[in-house]
C-alpha atoms as a PDB file:
ATOM      1  CA  MET A   1      90.917  59.998 -24.651  1.00  0.00           C
ATOM      2  CA  THR A   2      87.720  60.339 -22.735  1.00  0.00           C
ATOM      3  CA  ALA A   3      84.971  57.842 -23.390  1.00  0.00           C
ATOM      4  CA  THR A   4      81.601  59.354 -24.009  1.00  0.00           C
ATOM      5  CA  PRO A   5      78.937  57.663 -21.933  1.00  0.00           C
ATOM      6  CA  THR A   6      76.150  56.107 -23.926  1.00  0.00           C
ATOM      7  CA  THR A   7      72.642  56.802 -22.707  1.00  0.00           C
ATOM      8  CA  THR A   8      70.054  54.155 -23.514  1.00  0.00           C
ATOM      9  CA  THR A   9      66.533  55.459 -23.698  1.00  0.00           C
ATOM     10  CA  THR A  10      63.912  52.916 -22.890  1.00  0.00           C
ATOM     11  CA  ASN A  11      60.585  53.271 -24.574  1.00  0.00           C
ATOM     12  CA  THR A  12      58.206  52.856 -21.681  1.00  0.00           C
ATOM     13  CA  ALA A  13      55.240  52.654 -23.980  1.00  0.00           C
ATOM     14  CA  ALA A  14      56.883  49.786 -25.895  1.00  0.00           C
ATOM     15  CA  VAL A  15      57.566  47.892 -22.690  1.00  0.00           C
ATOM     16  CA  LEU A  16      54.238  48.487 -21.031  1.00  0.00           C
ATOM     17  CA  GLY A  17      52.259  48.345 -24.238  1.00  0.00           C
ATOM     18  CA  ARG A  18      49.871  50.839 -25.648  1.00  0.00           C
ATOM     19  CA  PRO A  19      48.312  53.201 -23.126  1.00  0.00           C
ATOM     20  CA  GLY A  20      44.963  51.799 -21.965  1.00  0.00           C
ATOM     21  CA  ALA A  21      45.481  48.412 -23.684  1.00  0.00           C
ATOM     22  CA  ALA A  22      44.849  46.450 -20.498  1.00  0.00           C
ATOM     23  CA  GLY A  23      41.656  48.353 -19.835  1.00  0.00           C
ATOM     24  CA  GLN A  24      40.466  47.784 -23.389  1.00  0.00           C
ATOM     25  CA  ASP A  25      41.167  44.050 -23.109  1.00  0.00           C
ATOM     26  CA  ARG A  26      39.193  43.893 -19.896  1.00  0.00           C
ATOM     27  CA  GLY A  27      36.355  45.760 -21.556  1.00  0.00           C
ATOM     28  CA  HIS A  28      36.303  43.356 -24.520  1.00  0.00           C
ATOM     29  CA  ALA A  29      36.396  40.378 -22.167  1.00  0.00           C
ATOM     30  CA  PHE A  30      33.544  41.830 -20.126  1.00  0.00           C
ATOM     31  CA  ARG A  31      31.447  42.430 -23.233  1.00  0.00           C
ATOM     32  CA  ARG A  32      32.160  38.942 -24.550  1.00  0.00           C
ATOM     33  CA  GLY A  33      31.231  37.463 -21.175  1.00  0.00           C
ATOM     34  CA  TRP A  34      28.055  39.543 -20.962  1.00  0.00           C
ATOM     35  CA  VAL A  35      26.958  38.573 -24.465  1.00  0.00           C
ATOM     36  CA  GLY A  36      27.649  34.901 -23.803  1.00  0.00           C
ATOM     37  CA  THR A  37      25.690  35.005 -20.552  1.00  0.00           C
ATOM     38  CA  ALA A  38      22.774  36.775 -22.235  1.00  0.00           C
ATOM     39  CA  VAL A  39      22.670  34.240 -25.075  1.00  0.00           C
ATOM     40  CA  THR A  40      22.814  31.354 -22.597  1.00  0.00           C
ATOM     41  CA  HIS A  41      19.976  32.781 -20.511  1.00  0.00           C
ATOM     42  CA  LEU A  42      17.917  33.454 -23.637  1.00  0.00           C
ATOM     43  CA  CYS A  43      18.351  29.858 -24.800  1.00  0.00           C
ATOM     44  CA  LEU A  44      17.366  28.585 -21.353  1.00  0.00           C
ATOM     45  CA  ILE A  45      14.269  30.785 -21.304  1.00  0.00           C
ATOM     46  CA  VAL A  46      13.230  29.558 -24.754  1.00  0.00           C
ATOM     47  CA  GLY A  47      13.790  25.958 -23.658  1.00  0.00           C
ATOM     48  CA  VAL A  48      11.699  26.432 -20.524  1.00  0.00           C
ATOM     49  CA  VAL A  49       8.865  28.036 -22.502  1.00  0.00           C
ATOM     50  CA  LEU A  50       8.881  25.234 -25.076  1.00  0.00           C
ATOM     51  CA  SER A  51       8.851  22.639 -22.292  1.00  0.00           C
ATOM     52  CA  ILE A  52       6.038  24.228 -20.295  1.00  0.00           C
ATOM     53  CA  PHE A  53       3.786  25.362 -23.145  1.00  0.00           C
ATOM     54  CA  PRO A  54       2.349  21.891 -24.043  1.00  0.00           C
ATOM     55  CA  PHE A  55       1.237  21.391 -20.439  1.00  0.00           C
ATOM     56  CA  TYR A  56      -0.146  24.931 -20.310  1.00  0.00           C
ATOM     57  CA  TRP A  57      -2.061  24.299 -23.541  1.00  0.00           C
ATOM     58  CA  LEU A  58      -3.414  21.077 -22.039  1.00  0.00           C
ATOM     59  CA  LEU A  59      -4.720  23.060 -19.061  1.00  0.00           C
ATOM     60  CA  VAL A  60      -6.298  25.653 -21.358  1.00  0.00           C
ATOM     61  CA  MET A  61      -8.114  23.012 -23.429  1.00  0.00           C
ATOM     62  CA  SER A  62      -9.299  21.211 -20.279  1.00  0.00           C
ATOM     63  CA  THR A  63     -11.229  24.360 -19.316  1.00  0.00           C
ATOM     64  CA  SER A  64     -12.630  25.096 -22.772  1.00  0.00           C
ATOM     65  CA  THR A  65     -15.557  23.981 -24.890  1.00  0.00           C
ATOM     66  CA  ASN A  66     -15.204  22.415 -28.326  1.00  0.00           C
ATOM     67  CA  ALA A  67     -16.106  25.729 -29.953  1.00  0.00           C
ATOM     68  CA  GLU A  68     -13.308  27.478 -28.072  1.00  0.00           C
ATOM     69  CA  ILE A  69     -10.815  24.704 -28.819  1.00  0.00           C
ATOM     70  CA  PHE A  70     -11.528  24.682 -32.561  1.00  0.00           C
ATOM     71  CA  GLY A  71     -11.954  28.450 -32.809  1.00  0.00           C
ATOM     72  CA  TYR A  72      -9.533  30.537 -34.856  1.00  0.00           C
ATOM     73  CA  PRO A  73      -7.443  32.216 -33.729  1.00  0.00           C
ATOM     74  CA  PRO A  74      -7.157  29.837 -30.778  1.00  0.00           C
ATOM     75  CA  SER A  75      -7.572  31.280 -27.314  1.00  0.00           C
ATOM     76  CA  LEU A  76      -4.461  31.109 -25.147  1.00  0.00           C
ATOM     77  CA  TRP A  77      -6.320  31.822 -21.921  1.00  0.00           C
ATOM     78  CA  PHE A  78      -8.408  29.574 -19.706  1.00  0.00           C
ATOM     79  CA  GLY A  79     -12.056  29.008 -20.493  1.00  0.00           C
ATOM     80  CA  GLY A  80     -15.013  28.695 -18.163  1.00  0.00           C
ATOM     81  CA  ASN A  81     -15.994  25.071 -18.807  1.00  0.00           C
ATOM     82  CA  ALA A  82     -13.616  23.347 -16.374  1.00  0.00           C
ATOM     83  CA  LEU A  83     -16.248  22.013 -13.948  1.00  0.00           C
ATOM     84  CA  ALA A  84     -18.440  20.719 -16.774  1.00  0.00           C
ATOM     85  CA  ASN A  85     -15.488  18.898 -18.344  1.00  0.00           C
ATOM     86  CA  VAL A  86     -14.491  17.291 -15.034  1.00  0.00           C
ATOM     87  CA  ALA A  87     -18.107  16.261 -14.417  1.00  0.00           C
ATOM     88  CA  SER A  88     -18.210  14.680 -17.872  1.00  0.00           C
ATOM     89  CA  VAL A  89     -15.065  12.695 -17.077  1.00  0.00           C
ATOM     90  CA  PHE A  90     -16.408  11.260 -13.824  1.00  0.00           C
ATOM     91  CA  SER A  91     -19.845  10.549 -15.300  1.00  0.00           C
ATOM     92  CA  ASN A  92     -18.490   8.494 -18.204  1.00  0.00           C
ATOM     93  CA  VAL A  93     -15.484   6.781 -16.587  1.00  0.00           C
ATOM     94  CA  ASP A  94     -14.965   5.236 -13.150  1.00  0.00           C
ATOM     95  CA  MET A  95     -11.980   7.505 -12.533  1.00  0.00           C
ATOM     96  CA  LEU A  96     -11.528   6.729  -8.840  1.00  0.00           C
ATOM     97  CA  ARG A  97     -11.241   2.990  -9.449  1.00  0.00           C
ATOM     98  CA  ALA A  98      -8.979   3.581 -12.451  1.00  0.00           C
ATOM     99  CA  LEU A  99      -6.758   5.861 -10.355  1.00  0.00           C
ATOM    100  CA  LEU A 100      -6.566   3.265  -7.577  1.00  0.00           C
ATOM    101  CA  ASN A 101      -5.704   0.489 -10.041  1.00  0.00           C
ATOM    102  CA  THR A 102      -3.004   2.628 -11.624  1.00  0.00           C
ATOM    103  CA  VAL A 103      -1.492   3.566  -8.254  1.00  0.00           C
ATOM    104  CA  VAL A 104      -1.358  -0.113  -7.267  1.00  0.00           C
ATOM    105  CA  VAL A 105       0.237  -1.139 -10.562  1.00  0.00           C
ATOM    106  CA  ALA A 106       2.733   1.727 -10.788  1.00  0.00           C
ATOM    107  CA  GLY A 107       3.635   1.644  -7.089  1.00  0.00           C
ATOM    108  CA  GLY A 108       3.952  -2.136  -6.947  1.00  0.00           C
ATOM    109  CA  THR A 109       6.072  -2.244 -10.091  1.00  0.00           C
ATOM    110  CA  ALA A 110       8.371   0.524  -8.830  1.00  0.00           C
ATOM    111  CA  VAL A 111       8.902  -1.174  -5.453  1.00  0.00           C
ATOM    112  CA  LEU A 112       9.658  -4.573  -6.999  1.00  0.00           C
ATOM    113  CA  VAL A 113      12.006  -3.070  -9.585  1.00  0.00           C
ATOM    114  CA  MET A 114      13.968  -1.223  -6.908  1.00  0.00           C
ATOM    115  CA  LEU A 115      14.136  -4.408  -4.813  1.00  0.00           C
ATOM    116  CA  PHE A 116      15.193  -6.957  -7.425  1.00  0.00           C
ATOM    117  CA  ASP A 117      17.325  -4.635  -9.547  1.00  0.00           C
ATOM    118  CA  SER A 118      19.309  -3.426  -6.531  1.00  0.00           C
ATOM    119  CA  LEU A 119      19.956  -7.019  -5.441  1.00  0.00           C
ATOM    120  CA  ALA A 120      21.175  -8.023  -8.894  1.00  0.00           C
ATOM    121  CA  ALA A 121      23.181  -4.831  -9.390  1.00  0.00           C
ATOM    122  CA  PHE A 122      24.912  -5.212  -6.014  1.00  0.00           C
ATOM    123  CA  ALA A 123      25.859  -8.792  -6.850  1.00  0.00           C
ATOM    124  CA  PHE A 124      27.208  -7.859 -10.292  1.00  0.00           C
ATOM    125  CA  ALA A 125      29.172  -4.903  -8.891  1.00  0.00           C
ATOM    126  CA  LYS A 126      30.757  -6.322  -5.736  1.00  0.00           C
ATOM    127  CA  TYR A 127      30.708 -10.118  -5.862  1.00  0.00           C
ATOM    128  CA  GLU A 128      32.384 -12.780  -7.961  1.00  0.00           C
ATOM    129  CA  PHE A 129      30.461 -15.849  -9.084  1.00  0.00           C
ATOM    130  CA  PRO A 130      30.576 -18.311 -12.009  1.00  0.00           C
ATOM    131  CA  PHE A 131      29.544 -16.980 -15.428  1.00  0.00           C
ATOM    132  CA  LYS A 132      29.275 -13.446 -14.055  1.00  0.00           C
ATOM    133  CA  ARG A 133      30.407 -11.718 -17.255  1.00  0.00           C
ATOM    134  CA  SER A 134      28.370 -14.024 -19.476  1.00  0.00           C
ATOM    135  CA  LEU A 135      25.197 -13.402 -17.495  1.00  0.00           C
ATOM    136  CA  PHE A 136      25.794  -9.657 -17.529  1.00  0.00           C
ATOM    137  CA  THR A 137      26.346  -9.719 -21.300  1.00  0.00           C
ATOM    138  CA  VAL A 138      23.147 -11.693 -21.861  1.00  0.00           C
ATOM    139  CA  MET A 139      21.275  -9.238 -19.657  1.00  0.00           C
ATOM    140  CA  LEU A 140      22.587  -6.279 -21.651  1.00  0.00           C
ATOM    141  CA  ALA A 141      21.609  -8.040 -24.883  1.00  0.00           C
ATOM    142  CA  THR A 142      17.969  -7.790 -23.857  1.00  0.00           C
ATOM    143  CA  PHE A 143      18.251  -4.061 -24.606  1.00  0.00           C
ATOM    144  CA  LEU A 144      18.326  -5.022 -28.278  1.00  0.00           C
ATOM    145  CA  VAL A 145      14.996  -6.880 -28.145  1.00  0.00           C
ATOM    146  CA  PRO A 146      11.983  -4.644 -28.927  1.00  0.00           C
ATOM    147  CA  GLY A 147       9.298  -4.806 -26.285  1.00  0.00           C
ATOM    148  CA  SER A 148       6.617  -5.526 -28.883  1.00  0.00           C
ATOM    149  CA  LEU A 149       8.207  -8.915 -29.604  1.00  0.00           C
ATOM    150  CA  SER A 150       7.441 -10.106 -26.084  1.00  0.00           C
ATOM    151  CA  LEU A 151       3.739  -9.208 -26.127  1.00  0.00           C
ATOM    152  CA  VAL A 152       2.468 -12.526 -27.509  1.00  0.00           C
ATOM    153  CA  PRO A 153       4.739 -14.814 -25.408  1.00  0.00           C
ATOM    154  CA  SER A 154       3.922 -12.777 -22.307  1.00  0.00           C
ATOM    155  CA  PHE A 155       0.192 -12.995 -23.004  1.00  0.00           C
ATOM    156  CA  VAL A 156       0.394 -16.773 -23.467  1.00  0.00           C
ATOM    157  CA  LEU A 157       2.309 -17.087 -20.189  1.00  0.00           C
ATOM    158  CA  MET A 158      -0.209 -14.923 -18.337  1.00  0.00           C
ATOM    159  CA  ALA A 159      -3.043 -17.029 -19.794  1.00  0.00           C
ATOM    160  CA  HIS A 160      -1.425 -20.268 -18.578  1.00  0.00           C
ATOM    161  CA  LEU A 161      -1.003 -18.751 -15.117  1.00  0.00           C
ATOM    162  CA  GLY A 162      -4.617 -17.589 -15.089  1.00  0.00           C
ATOM    163  CA  TRP A 163      -3.656 -13.963 -14.566  1.00  0.00           C
ATOM    164  CA  ILE A 164      -5.495 -12.441 -17.530  1.00  0.00           C
ATOM    165  CA  GLY A 165      -7.689  -9.658 -16.206  1.00  0.00           C
ATOM    166  CA  GLY A 166      -5.744  -9.277 -12.957  1.00  0.00           C
ATOM    167  CA  LEU A 167      -3.400  -6.500 -11.934  1.00  0.00           C
ATOM    168  CA  GLN A 168      -0.650  -9.036 -11.205  1.00  0.00           C
ATOM    169  CA  ALA A 169      -0.345  -9.491 -14.968  1.00  0.00           C
ATOM    170  CA  LEU A 170       0.875  -5.893 -15.097  1.00  0.00           C
ATOM    171  CA  ILE A 171       3.079  -5.910 -11.990  1.00  0.00           C
ATOM    172  CA  ILE A 172       4.985  -9.214 -12.095  1.00  0.00           C
ATOM    173  CA  PRO A 173       6.305  -9.049 -15.707  1.00  0.00           C
ATOM    174  CA  GLY A 174       7.803  -5.640 -14.969  1.00  0.00           C
ATOM    175  CA  ALA A 175       9.314  -6.563 -11.593  1.00  0.00           C
ATOM    176  CA  ALA A 176      12.887  -6.385 -12.935  1.00  0.00           C
ATOM    177  CA  ASN A 177      14.574  -5.004 -16.021  1.00  0.00           C
ATOM    178  CA  ALA A 178      18.023  -4.727 -17.538  1.00  0.00           C
ATOM    179  CA  PHE A 179      18.039  -0.940 -17.499  1.00  0.00           C
ATOM    180  CA  GLY A 180      17.630  -0.761 -13.730  1.00  0.00           C
ATOM    181  CA  ILE A 181      20.272  -3.418 -13.102  1.00  0.00           C
ATOM    182  CA  PHE A 182      22.771  -1.660 -15.346  1.00  0.00           C
ATOM    183  CA  LEU A 183      22.035   1.750 -13.820  1.00  0.00           C
ATOM    184  CA  LEU A 184      22.356   0.610 -10.205  1.00  0.00           C
ATOM    185  CA  ARG A 185      25.451  -1.431 -11.004  1.00  0.00           C
ATOM    186  CA  GLN A 186      27.138   1.753 -12.193  1.00  0.00           C
ATOM    187  CA  PHE A 187      26.071   3.519  -9.000  1.00  0.00           C
ATOM    188  CA  ALA A 188      27.297   0.631  -6.842  1.00  0.00           C
ATOM    189  CA  THR A 189      30.640   0.415  -8.623  1.00  0.00           C
ATOM    190  CA  GLY A 190      31.370   4.089  -8.052  1.00  0.00           C
ATOM    191  CA  SER A 191      29.824   4.725  -4.633  1.00  0.00           C
ATOM    192  CA  ILE A 192      30.394   1.583  -2.534  1.00  0.00           C
ATOM    193  CA  PRO A 193      34.052   1.081  -1.483  1.00  0.00           C
ATOM    194  CA  ASN A 194      35.317  -2.482  -1.470  1.00  0.00           C
ATOM    195  CA  GLU A 195      36.800  -1.892   1.993  1.00  0.00           C
ATOM    196  CA  VAL A 196      33.310  -1.415   3.425  1.00  0.00           C
ATOM    197  CA  ILE A 197      32.161  -4.711   1.935  1.00  0.00           C
ATOM    198  CA  ASP A 198      35.245  -6.487   3.301  1.00  0.00           C
ATOM    199  CA  SER A 199      34.626  -5.037   6.765  1.00  0.00           C
ATOM    200  CA  ALA A 200      31.051  -6.302   6.680  1.00  0.00           C
ATOM    201  CA  ARG A 201      32.260  -9.776   5.738  1.00  0.00           C
ATOM    202  CA  VAL A 202      34.747  -9.762   8.616  1.00  0.00           C
ATOM    203  CA  ASP A 203      31.904  -8.843  10.969  1.00  0.00           C
ATOM    204  CA  GLY A 204      29.988 -11.877   9.733  1.00  0.00           C
ATOM    205  CA  ALA A 205      27.399 -10.081   7.595  1.00  0.00           C
ATOM    206  CA  GLY A 206      25.933 -12.130   4.788  1.00  0.00           C
ATOM    207  CA  PHE A 207      24.878 -10.974   1.348  1.00  0.00           C
ATOM    208  CA  PHE A 208      21.395  -9.755   2.272  1.00  0.00           C
ATOM    209  CA  ARG A 209      22.502  -8.000   5.450  1.00  0.00           C
ATOM    210  CA  THR A 210      25.321  -6.278   3.578  1.00  0.00           C
ATOM    211  CA  TRP A 211      22.909  -5.278   0.832  1.00  0.00           C
ATOM    212  CA  TRP A 212      20.363  -3.858   3.265  1.00  0.00           C
ATOM    213  CA  SER A 213      22.793  -2.145   5.663  1.00  0.00           C
ATOM    214  CA  ILE A 214      25.378  -0.844   3.192  1.00  0.00           C
ATOM    215  CA  ALA A 215      24.211  -0.970  -0.420  1.00  0.00           C
ATOM    216  CA  VAL A 216      20.688   0.400  -0.030  1.00  0.00           C
ATOM    217  CA  PRO A 217      21.700   3.553   1.912  1.00  0.00           C
ATOM    218  CA  MET A 218      24.542   4.262  -0.519  1.00  0.00           C
ATOM    219  CA  LEU A 219      22.314   3.714  -3.556  1.00  0.00           C
ATOM    220  CA  ARG A 220      19.506   6.039  -2.461  1.00  0.00           C
ATOM    221  CA  GLY A 221      20.132   8.466  -5.310  1.00  0.00           C
ATOM    222  CA  GLY A 222      20.049   5.752  -7.956  1.00  0.00           C
ATOM    223  CA  LEU A 223      17.070   4.055  -6.320  1.00  0.00           C
ATOM    224  CA  ALA A 224      15.153   7.339  -6.228  1.00  0.00           C
ATOM    225  CA  PHE A 225      15.780   7.944  -9.920  1.00  0.00           C
ATOM    226  CA  LEU A 226      14.914   4.356 -10.851  1.00  0.00           C
ATOM    227  CA  GLY A 227      11.758   4.439  -8.737  1.00  0.00           C
ATOM    228  CA  ILE A 228      10.551   7.683 -10.325  1.00  0.00           C
ATOM    229  CA  PHE A 229      11.353   6.460 -13.838  1.00  0.00           C
ATOM    230  CA  THR A 230       9.639   3.099 -13.297  1.00  0.00           C
ATOM    231  CA  PHE A 231       6.578   4.665 -11.671  1.00  0.00           C
ATOM    232  CA  ILE A 232       6.093   7.113 -14.543  1.00  0.00           C
ATOM    233  CA  THR A 233       6.628   4.381 -17.154  1.00  0.00           C
ATOM    234  CA  ALA A 234       4.125   2.026 -15.507  1.00  0.00           C
ATOM    235  CA  TRP A 235       1.648   4.875 -14.981  1.00  0.00           C
ATOM    236  CA  ASN A 236       1.679   5.811 -18.661  1.00  0.00           C
ATOM    237  CA  ASP A 237       1.682   2.250 -20.022  1.00  0.00           C
ATOM    238  CA  TYR A 238      -1.209   1.633 -22.391  1.00  0.00           C
ATOM    239  CA  VAL A 239      -0.659  -1.266 -24.807  1.00  0.00           C
ATOM    240  CA  TRP A 240      -0.017  -4.071 -22.318  1.00  0.00           C
ATOM    241  CA  PRO A 241      -2.875  -3.102 -19.947  1.00  0.00           C
ATOM    242  CA  LEU A 242      -5.199  -2.837 -22.950  1.00  0.00           C
ATOM    243  CA  ILE A 243      -4.310  -6.433 -23.905  1.00  0.00           C
ATOM    244  CA  VAL A 244      -4.583  -8.168 -20.527  1.00  0.00           C
ATOM    245  CA  LEU A 245      -7.250  -6.157 -18.693  1.00  0.00           C
ATOM    246  CA  ILE A 246     -10.608  -7.499 -19.830  1.00  0.00           C
ATOM    247  CA  ASP A 247     -12.859  -6.379 -16.975  1.00  0.00           C
ATOM    248  CA  PRO A 248     -13.675  -2.638 -17.158  1.00  0.00           C
ATOM    249  CA  LYS A 249     -13.453  -2.494 -13.352  1.00  0.00           C
ATOM    250  CA  GLY A 250      -9.799  -3.498 -13.551  1.00  0.00           C
ATOM    251  CA  GLN A 251      -8.770  -0.904 -16.114  1.00  0.00           C
ATOM    252  CA  THR A 252      -5.892   1.429 -15.468  1.00  0.00           C
ATOM    253  CA  LEU A 253      -6.116   5.151 -16.018  1.00  0.00           C
ATOM    254  CA  GLN A 254      -4.714   5.251 -19.552  1.00  0.00           C
ATOM    255  CA  VAL A 255      -7.091   2.543 -20.782  1.00  0.00           C
ATOM    256  CA  ALA A 256     -10.017   4.284 -19.094  1.00  0.00           C
ATOM    257  CA  LEU A 257      -9.099   7.595 -20.729  1.00  0.00           C
ATOM    258  CA  ALA A 258      -8.977   5.872 -24.113  1.00  0.00           C
ATOM    259  CA  GLY A 259     -12.529   4.699 -23.479  1.00  0.00           C
ATOM    260  CA  LEU A 260     -13.485   8.264 -22.629  1.00  0.00           C
ATOM    261  CA  SER A 261     -12.289   9.503 -25.989  1.00  0.00           C
ATOM    262  CA  SER A 262     -14.363   6.846 -27.750  1.00  0.00           C
ATOM    263  CA  VAL A 263     -17.477   7.662 -25.717  1.00  0.00           C
ATOM    264  CA  ASN A 264     -17.124  11.410 -26.307  1.00  0.00           C
ATOM    265  CA  ALA A 265     -15.337  11.442 -29.624  1.00  0.00           C
ATOM    266  CA  THR A 266     -15.808  15.179 -30.067  1.00  0.00           C
ATOM    267  CA  ASP A 267     -15.706  16.310 -26.426  1.00  0.00           C
ATOM    268  CA  LEU A 268     -12.036  17.194 -26.386  1.00  0.00           C
ATOM    269  CA  GLY A 269     -12.448  19.335 -23.291  1.00  0.00           C
ATOM    270  CA  ALA A 270     -13.457  16.279 -21.249  1.00  0.00           C
ATOM    271  CA  VAL A 271     -10.617  14.235 -22.728  1.00  0.00           C
ATOM    272  CA  MET A 272      -8.101  16.931 -21.832  1.00  0.00           C
ATOM    273  CA  ALA A 273      -9.568  17.228 -18.329  1.00  0.00           C
ATOM    274  CA  GLY A 274      -9.009  13.508 -17.852  1.00  0.00           C
ATOM    275  CA  ALA A 275      -5.443  13.890 -19.068  1.00  0.00           C
ATOM    276  CA  VAL A 276      -4.850  16.681 -16.542  1.00  0.00           C
ATOM    277  CA  ILE A 277      -6.177  14.486 -13.736  1.00  0.00           C
ATOM    278  CA  SER A 278      -3.739  11.757 -14.764  1.00  0.00           C
ATOM    279  CA  VAL A 279      -0.767  14.139 -14.839  1.00  0.00           C
ATOM    280  CA  PHE A 280      -0.997  15.681 -11.360  1.00  0.00           C
ATOM    281  CA  PRO A 281      -0.107  12.482  -9.430  1.00  0.00           C
ATOM    282  CA  LEU A 282       3.019  12.137 -11.574  1.00  0.00           C
ATOM    283  CA  ILE A 283       4.053  15.690 -10.730  1.00  0.00           C
ATOM    284  CA  GLY A 284       3.669  14.933  -7.020  1.00  0.00           C
ATOM    285  CA  VAL A 285       5.725  11.746  -7.261  1.00  0.00           C
ATOM    286  CA  PHE A 286       8.429  13.541  -9.201  1.00  0.00           C
ATOM    287  CA  ILE A 287       8.642  16.399  -6.685  1.00  0.00           C
ATOM    288  CA  ILE A 288       8.844  14.046  -3.698  1.00  0.00           C
ATOM    289  CA  GLY A 289      11.288  11.616  -5.282  1.00  0.00           C
ATOM    290  CA  SER A 290      13.526  14.204  -6.908  1.00  0.00           C
ATOM    291  CA  ARG A 291      14.292  15.748  -3.511  1.00  0.00           C
ATOM    292  CA  HIS A 292      15.905  12.516  -2.335  1.00  0.00           C
ATOM    293  CA  PHE A 293      17.689  12.066  -5.639  1.00  0.00           C
ATOM    294  CA  ILE A 294      19.127  15.596  -5.738  1.00  0.00           C
ATOM    295  CA  ALA A 295      20.040  15.572  -2.028  1.00  0.00           C
ATOM    296  CA  ASN A 296      21.934  12.305  -2.421  1.00  0.00           C
ATOM    297  CA  ILE A 297      23.770  13.498  -5.514  1.00  0.00           C
ATOM    298  CA  ALA A 298      24.741  16.746  -3.745  1.00  0.00           C
ATOM    299  CA  ALA A 299      25.981  14.833  -0.705  1.00  0.00           C
ATOM    300  CA  GLY A 300      28.081  12.606  -2.941  1.00  0.00           C
ATOM    301  CA  ALA A 301      29.559  15.637  -4.686  1.00  0.00           C
ATOM    302  CA  LEU A 302      30.509  17.207  -1.336  1.00  0.00           C
ATOM    303  CA  LYS A 303      32.171  13.988  -0.202  1.00  0.00           C
ATOM    304  CA  GLY A 304      34.101  13.838  -3.483  1.00  0.00           C
END
């Protein structure tokens, strides 16, 4: 008896799938990716416009008259009253002295914060000493205390020291803060190897030499961010300078601008021009400082 060979037919389409299925899947994936990218870019564009528009509107009002500002519909283009508004600012407020006072206060506060906060953060991150955890916990607890609660005690202290009316009453109380210590401690914990500290100790380096030679260069990114943040905060501070600065010659920029709005209660163009003058130095500081911050972060990412 002769066995009949059995022929098995393989369905190529079943094995390989439907004709063109792979191409269709790639097409769907491409369309999904394109739509997602378009939506992401659209959201970013909307976010940028919403972020820039208030500053643009500030510039428009600083070049406009009251009639143009209060007109309806409002004009979205620059007016022709910019020089008159700037002249009104400088004729009613000693802007140059106010700018100098603000630069001294903001710059001095930023330098002292970077100095003292980096010292404390380096000690908390890399050294052991009695009551270390307790002190760090107490420091963090100061985050829970509203700043307004310290206004009266701080004023009484400044009065006893005889600092009322002086710029030191603005600089010294802000020379260190818990936020900066916590921030730089996190930077120091993650970016400074313990082996480097041990090597410095073997070479006979003390705390301050180790801090200056090792910690400060490795904390440049955190120090740049903290310096920018502190400078902007001190520059825009209004309540505390209003309380302690009695002499008009010692006023900072924000207090002087508040006086401008009371002198020219309806001259919003002049008020906005003063606000523009106060903003441009902050933009310059941010551009200069952010370069160091971004460069340090990028270098750390490449090392990682």
